[in-house]
């Protein structure tokens, strides 16, 4: 377990984290022990999601057709239509 004595030292450890080195346990005197886990953010496009899940493409197309027919609803309209009974 690493002992961290300054914010600069902690930032150095964080900077060195990657997919293979994604968990770091350390202690800060007077504070306690910590476990830091790097969770990489995937920057995946909608197109990539659709390729992975063909049903998603079908949902997008159906949604677009309904929107063109005027069957859509704005977020504001949806929120106005909800009552307390919808959450029980």
C-alpha atoms as a PDB file:
ATOM      1  CA  UNK A   1       0.000   0.000   0.000  1.00  0.00           C
ATOM      2  CA  UNK A   2       1.340   3.397  -0.999  1.00  0.00           C
ATOM      3  CA  UNK A   3       1.552   6.187   1.548  1.00  0.00           C
ATOM      4  CA  UNK A   4       0.590   9.492  -0.060  1.00  0.00           C
ATOM      5  CA  UNK A   5       1.999  12.593   1.589  1.00  0.00           C
ATOM      6  CA  UNK A   6       1.002  15.308  -0.885  1.00  0.00           C
ATOM      7  CA  UNK A   7      -1.584  16.118  -3.536  1.00  0.00           C
ATOM      8  CA  UNK A   8       1.212  16.220  -6.128  1.00  0.00           C
ATOM      9  CA  UNK A   9       2.183  12.653  -5.236  1.00  0.00           C
ATOM     10  CA  UNK A  10      -1.437  11.504  -5.502  1.00  0.00           C
ATOM     11  CA  UNK A  11      -1.795  13.159  -8.916  1.00  0.00           C
ATOM     12  CA  UNK A  12       1.391  11.395 -10.060  1.00  0.00           C
ATOM     13  CA  UNK A  13      -0.102   8.023  -9.124  1.00  0.00           C
ATOM     14  CA  UNK A  14      -3.399   8.870 -10.845  1.00  0.00           C
ATOM     15  CA  UNK A  15      -1.561   9.976 -13.991  1.00  0.00           C
ATOM     16  CA  UNK A  16       0.255   6.627 -14.114  1.00  0.00           C
ATOM     17  CA  UNK A  17      -2.989   4.615 -13.939  1.00  0.00           C
ATOM     18  CA  UNK A  18      -4.159   2.801 -17.071  1.00  0.00           C
ATOM     19  CA  UNK A  19      -6.194  -0.222 -18.128  1.00  0.00           C
ATOM     20  CA  UNK A  20      -3.593  -2.681 -16.780  1.00  0.00           C
ATOM     21  CA  UNK A  21      -2.868  -0.623 -13.654  1.00  0.00           C
ATOM     22  CA  UNK A  22      -6.432   0.397 -12.771  1.00  0.00           C
ATOM     23  CA  UNK A  23      -6.618  -0.097  -8.984  1.00  0.00           C
ATOM     24  CA  UNK A  24      -4.540   1.749  -6.443  1.00  0.00           C
ATOM     25  CA  UNK A  25      -4.659   1.371  -2.687  1.00  0.00           C
ATOM     26  CA  UNK A  26      -3.085   4.109  -0.629  1.00  0.00           C
ATOM     27  CA  UNK A  27      -3.183   5.701   2.771  1.00  0.00           C
ATOM     28  CA  UNK A  28      -3.126   9.328   3.785  1.00  0.00           C
ATOM     29  CA  UNK A  29      -1.778   9.875   7.292  1.00  0.00           C
ATOM     30  CA  UNK A  30      -4.492  11.249   9.543  1.00  0.00           C
ATOM     31  CA  UNK A  31      -7.273  10.400   7.043  1.00  0.00           C
ATOM     32  CA  UNK A  32      -7.219   6.645   6.452  1.00  0.00           C
ATOM     33  CA  UNK A  33      -6.949   4.062   3.703  1.00  0.00           C
ATOM     34  CA  UNK A  34      -8.365   4.502   0.214  1.00  0.00           C
ATOM     35  CA  UNK A  35      -8.899   2.392  -2.887  1.00  0.00           C
ATOM     36  CA  UNK A  36      -8.945   4.253  -6.185  1.00  0.00           C
ATOM     37  CA  UNK A  37     -10.413   2.496  -9.241  1.00  0.00           C
ATOM     38  CA  UNK A  38      -9.968   3.796 -12.780  1.00  0.00           C
ATOM     39  CA  UNK A  39     -13.106   3.253 -14.829  1.00  0.00           C
ATOM     40  CA  UNK A  40     -12.258   4.108 -18.393  1.00  0.00           C
ATOM     41  CA  UNK A  41     -14.846   6.032 -20.284  1.00  0.00           C
ATOM     42  CA  UNK A  42     -15.666   4.626 -23.687  1.00  0.00           C
ATOM     43  CA  UNK A  43     -16.219   7.250 -26.331  1.00  0.00           C
ATOM     44  CA  UNK A  44     -18.451   5.143 -28.506  1.00  0.00           C
ATOM     45  CA  UNK A  45     -20.625   6.697 -31.172  1.00  0.00           C
ATOM     46  CA  UNK A  46     -24.319   5.964 -31.635  1.00  0.00           C
ATOM     47  CA  UNK A  47     -23.421   4.377 -34.958  1.00  0.00           C
ATOM     48  CA  UNK A  48     -21.148   1.886 -33.173  1.00  0.00           C
ATOM     49  CA  UNK A  49     -23.951   1.118 -30.694  1.00  0.00           C
ATOM     50  CA  UNK A  50     -26.324   0.433 -33.599  1.00  0.00           C
ATOM     51  CA  UNK A  51     -23.796  -1.895 -35.244  1.00  0.00           C
ATOM     52  CA  UNK A  52     -23.520  -3.860 -31.991  1.00  0.00           C
ATOM     53  CA  UNK A  53     -27.286  -3.955 -31.447  1.00  0.00           C
ATOM     54  CA  UNK A  54     -29.436  -4.186 -34.616  1.00  0.00           C
ATOM     55  CA  UNK A  55     -32.624  -3.778 -32.521  1.00  0.00           C
ATOM     56  CA  UNK A  56     -31.434  -0.319 -31.610  1.00  0.00           C
ATOM     57  CA  UNK A  57     -31.417   0.668 -35.285  1.00  0.00           C
ATOM     58  CA  UNK A  58     -34.996  -0.588 -35.611  1.00  0.00           C
ATOM     59  CA  UNK A  59     -36.008   1.468 -32.550  1.00  0.00           C
ATOM     60  CA  UNK A  60     -34.435   4.606 -34.035  1.00  0.00           C
ATOM     61  CA  UNK A  61     -36.248   4.105 -37.330  1.00  0.00           C
ATOM     62  CA  UNK A  62     -39.605   3.504 -35.628  1.00  0.00           C
ATOM     63  CA  UNK A  63     -39.103   6.575 -33.470  1.00  0.00           C
ATOM     64  CA  UNK A  64     -38.248   8.695 -36.509  1.00  0.00           C
ATOM     65  CA  UNK A  65     -41.374   7.487 -38.344  1.00  0.00           C
ATOM     66  CA  UNK A  66     -43.574   8.302 -35.364  1.00  0.00           C
ATOM     67  CA  UNK A  67     -41.981  11.741 -35.075  1.00  0.00           C
ATOM     68  CA  UNK A  68     -42.661  12.452 -38.762  1.00  0.00           C
ATOM     69  CA  UNK A  69     -46.317  11.462 -38.224  1.00  0.00           C
ATOM     70  CA  UNK A  70     -46.597  13.929 -35.361  1.00  0.00           C
ATOM     71  CA  UNK A  71     -46.889  11.219 -32.727  1.00  0.00           C
ATOM     72  CA  UNK A  72     -43.939  12.512 -30.714  1.00  0.00           C
ATOM     73  CA  UNK A  73     -44.010  14.378 -27.438  1.00  0.00           C
ATOM     74  CA  UNK A  74     -41.523  16.872 -26.061  1.00  0.00           C
ATOM     75  CA  UNK A  75     -39.961  16.355 -22.662  1.00  0.00           C
ATOM     76  CA  UNK A  76     -41.944  19.316 -21.346  1.00  0.00           C
ATOM     77  CA  UNK A  77     -45.186  17.806 -22.634  1.00  0.00           C
ATOM     78  CA  UNK A  78     -44.350  14.476 -21.031  1.00  0.00           C
ATOM     79  CA  UNK A  79     -43.558  16.065 -17.670  1.00  0.00           C
ATOM     80  CA  UNK A  80     -46.798  18.082 -17.740  1.00  0.00           C
ATOM     81  CA  UNK A  81     -48.777  14.921 -18.440  1.00  0.00           C
ATOM     82  CA  UNK A  82     -47.445  13.069 -15.367  1.00  0.00           C
ATOM     83  CA  UNK A  83     -49.154  13.062 -11.990  1.00  0.00           C
ATOM     84  CA  UNK A  84     -48.293  11.600  -8.575  1.00  0.00           C
ATOM     85  CA  UNK A  85     -50.341   8.521  -9.462  1.00  0.00           C
ATOM     86  CA  UNK A  86     -47.831   7.652 -12.191  1.00  0.00           C
ATOM     87  CA  UNK A  87     -45.136   7.139  -9.538  1.00  0.00           C
ATOM     88  CA  UNK A  88     -47.080   4.928  -7.137  1.00  0.00           C
END
